[in-house]
C-alpha atoms as a PDB file:
ATOM      1  CA  UNK A   1     137.813  39.415 -81.566  1.00  0.00           C
ATOM      2  CA  UNK A   2     136.916  42.944 -82.725  1.00  0.00           C
ATOM      3  CA  UNK A   3     138.929  44.705 -79.971  1.00  0.00           C
ATOM      4  CA  UNK A   4     141.594  46.503 -81.971  1.00  0.00           C
ATOM      5  CA  UNK A   5     144.345  49.024 -81.385  1.00  0.00           C
ATOM      6  CA  UNK A   6     143.248  52.657 -81.912  1.00  0.00           C
ATOM      7  CA  UNK A   7     145.941  53.102 -84.594  1.00  0.00           C
ATOM      8  CA  UNK A   8     144.135  50.543 -86.759  1.00  0.00           C
ATOM      9  CA  UNK A   9     141.320  53.060 -87.250  1.00  0.00           C
ATOM     10  CA  UNK A  10     143.819  55.364 -88.958  1.00  0.00           C
ATOM     11  CA  UNK A  11     142.165  58.621 -90.020  1.00  0.00           C
ATOM     12  CA  UNK A  12     138.654  57.233 -89.604  1.00  0.00           C
ATOM     13  CA  UNK A  13     136.625  59.478 -87.266  1.00  0.00           C
ATOM     14  CA  UNK A  14     135.699  57.648 -84.062  1.00  0.00           C
ATOM     15  CA  UNK A  15     132.933  58.162 -81.532  1.00  0.00           C
ATOM     16  CA  UNK A  16     132.685  57.231 -77.887  1.00  0.00           C
ATOM     17  CA  UNK A  17     129.582  55.109 -77.469  1.00  0.00           C
ATOM     18  CA  UNK A  18     129.774  53.847 -73.899  1.00  0.00           C
ATOM     19  CA  UNK A  19     131.640  54.329 -70.662  1.00  0.00           C
ATOM     20  CA  UNK A  20     131.553  51.522 -68.117  1.00  0.00           C
ATOM     21  CA  UNK A  21     132.058  52.287 -64.463  1.00  0.00           C
ATOM     22  CA  UNK A  22     132.663  48.678 -63.390  1.00  0.00           C
ATOM     23  CA  UNK A  23     134.801  45.850 -64.730  1.00  0.00           C
ATOM     24  CA  UNK A  24     131.852  43.452 -64.953  1.00  0.00           C
ATOM     25  CA  UNK A  25     129.925  45.998 -67.017  1.00  0.00           C
ATOM     26  CA  UNK A  26     132.948  46.555 -69.310  1.00  0.00           C
ATOM     27  CA  UNK A  27     133.280  42.819 -69.922  1.00  0.00           C
ATOM     28  CA  UNK A  28     129.588  42.636 -70.819  1.00  0.00           C
ATOM     29  CA  UNK A  29     129.981  45.526 -73.299  1.00  0.00           C
ATOM     30  CA  UNK A  30     133.019  43.802 -74.843  1.00  0.00           C
ATOM     31  CA  UNK A  31     131.093  40.545 -75.236  1.00  0.00           C
ATOM     32  CA  UNK A  32     128.084  42.259 -76.865  1.00  0.00           C
ATOM     33  CA  UNK A  33     130.195  44.301 -79.307  1.00  0.00           C
ATOM     34  CA  UNK A  34     132.348  41.271 -80.183  1.00  0.00           C
ATOM     35  CA  UNK A  35     129.323  39.059 -80.820  1.00  0.00           C
ATOM     36  CA  UNK A  36     127.875  41.767 -83.076  1.00  0.00           C
ATOM     37  CA  UNK A  37     131.148  41.915 -85.035  1.00  0.00           C
ATOM     38  CA  UNK A  38     131.727  45.585 -84.237  1.00  0.00           C
ATOM     39  CA  UNK A  39     135.344  46.795 -84.174  1.00  0.00           C
ATOM     40  CA  UNK A  40     136.101  48.905 -81.120  1.00  0.00           C
ATOM     41  CA  UNK A  41     138.897  50.121 -78.900  1.00  0.00           C
ATOM     42  CA  UNK A  42     138.928  51.098 -75.249  1.00  0.00           C
ATOM     43  CA  UNK A  43     140.567  53.813 -73.179  1.00  0.00           C
ATOM     44  CA  UNK A  44     140.504  54.602 -69.490  1.00  0.00           C
ATOM     45  CA  UNK A  45     138.708  57.907 -68.942  1.00  0.00           C
ATOM     46  CA  UNK A  46     137.295  59.877 -66.078  1.00  0.00           C
ATOM     47  CA  UNK A  47     133.556  60.229 -65.679  1.00  0.00           C
ATOM     48  CA  UNK A  48     131.409  62.095 -63.223  1.00  0.00           C
ATOM     49  CA  UNK A  49     128.826  60.479 -60.996  1.00  0.00           C
ATOM     50  CA  UNK A  50     126.683  62.337 -58.479  1.00  0.00           C
ATOM     51  CA  UNK A  51     126.502  61.157 -54.873  1.00  0.00           C
ATOM     52  CA  UNK A  52     122.991  61.685 -53.500  1.00  0.00           C
ATOM     53  CA  UNK A  53     122.207  63.343 -56.800  1.00  0.00           C
ATOM     54  CA  UNK A  54     124.096  66.545 -55.965  1.00  0.00           C
ATOM     55  CA  UNK A  55     127.713  65.903 -54.940  1.00  0.00           C
ATOM     56  CA  UNK A  56     129.918  65.328 -58.004  1.00  0.00           C
ATOM     57  CA  UNK A  57     132.534  62.577 -57.789  1.00  0.00           C
ATOM     58  CA  UNK A  58     135.037  61.584 -60.473  1.00  0.00           C
ATOM     59  CA  UNK A  59     135.842  57.973 -61.220  1.00  0.00           C
ATOM     60  CA  UNK A  60     137.878  56.090 -63.813  1.00  0.00           C
ATOM     61  CA  UNK A  61     135.872  54.140 -66.338  1.00  0.00           C
ATOM     62  CA  UNK A  62     136.400  52.129 -69.497  1.00  0.00           C
ATOM     63  CA  UNK A  63     135.368  54.157 -72.552  1.00  0.00           C
ATOM     64  CA  UNK A  64     134.425  52.280 -75.722  1.00  0.00           C
ATOM     65  CA  UNK A  65     135.044  53.840 -79.139  1.00  0.00           C
ATOM     66  CA  UNK A  66     133.932  52.728 -82.600  1.00  0.00           C
ATOM     67  CA  UNK A  67     134.130  54.196 -86.092  1.00  0.00           C
ATOM     68  CA  UNK A  68     131.715  57.147 -86.160  1.00  0.00           C
ATOM     69  CA  UNK A  69     129.718  55.531 -88.959  1.00  0.00           C
ATOM     70  CA  UNK A  70     129.067  52.496 -86.703  1.00  0.00           C
ATOM     71  CA  UNK A  71     128.157  54.538 -83.610  1.00  0.00           C
ATOM     72  CA  UNK A  72     124.372  54.548 -83.954  1.00  0.00           C
ATOM     73  CA  UNK A  73     124.192  50.810 -84.696  1.00  0.00           C
ATOM     74  CA  UNK A  74     126.558  50.110 -81.804  1.00  0.00           C
ATOM     75  CA  UNK A  75     124.396  52.099 -79.394  1.00  0.00           C
ATOM     76  CA  UNK A  76     121.305  50.228 -80.586  1.00  0.00           C
ATOM     77  CA  UNK A  77     123.035  46.869 -80.091  1.00  0.00           C
ATOM     78  CA  UNK A  78     124.104  47.829 -76.563  1.00  0.00           C
ATOM     79  CA  UNK A  79     120.664  49.172 -75.670  1.00  0.00           C
ATOM     80  CA  UNK A  80     119.148  45.938 -76.984  1.00  0.00           C
ATOM     81  CA  UNK A  81     121.423  44.044 -74.588  1.00  0.00           C
ATOM     82  CA  UNK A  82     120.084  46.190 -71.720  1.00  0.00           C
ATOM     83  CA  UNK A  83     123.321  48.176 -71.483  1.00  0.00           C
ATOM     84  CA  UNK A  84     121.911  51.693 -71.265  1.00  0.00           C
ATOM     85  CA  UNK A  85     123.494  53.275 -68.179  1.00  0.00           C
ATOM     86  CA  UNK A  86     126.801  54.187 -69.827  1.00  0.00           C
ATOM     87  CA  UNK A  87     125.566  54.999 -73.329  1.00  0.00           C
ATOM     88  CA  UNK A  88     126.898  58.291 -74.602  1.00  0.00           C
ATOM     89  CA  UNK A  89     125.565  60.498 -77.358  1.00  0.00           C
ATOM     90  CA  UNK A  90     127.492  62.411 -80.013  1.00  0.00           C
ATOM     91  CA  UNK A  91     126.661  65.784 -78.500  1.00  0.00           C
ATOM     92  CA  UNK A  92     127.746  64.997 -74.929  1.00  0.00           C
ATOM     93  CA  UNK A  93     130.931  66.595 -73.724  1.00  0.00           C
ATOM     94  CA  UNK A  94     133.619  64.104 -72.826  1.00  0.00           C
ATOM     95  CA  UNK A  95     134.148  65.385 -69.285  1.00  0.00           C
ATOM     96  CA  UNK A  96     130.562  65.095 -68.096  1.00  0.00           C
ATOM     97  CA  UNK A  97     129.456  61.994 -69.965  1.00  0.00           C
ATOM     98  CA  UNK A  98     129.153  58.600 -68.413  1.00  0.00           C
ATOM     99  CA  UNK A  99     127.211  56.440 -66.008  1.00  0.00           C
ATOM    100  CA  UNK A 100     124.755  58.277 -63.848  1.00  0.00           C
ATOM    101  CA  UNK A 101     123.490  55.515 -61.648  1.00  0.00           C
END
């Protein structure tokens, strides 16, 4: 299974590609990345979601990281599996990124 310890990436730059707000969603992301043979690691991180579109709330989510060189392919694989809600881009700040709906 491609879930690995972050130390195994060594000095390789990594990118956050997805943050899941629910356990079921996180398990789906894990399955898709594993089936695609993409090495990744996870960390618990806070993300912001807006209640009624205006009231910010912070939640804990499962953030998925891959080697930076695999980030674009990983995002495409996840989008192809209809996992788009938690996709993150390179230029998003860590604090505000994450599921919006």
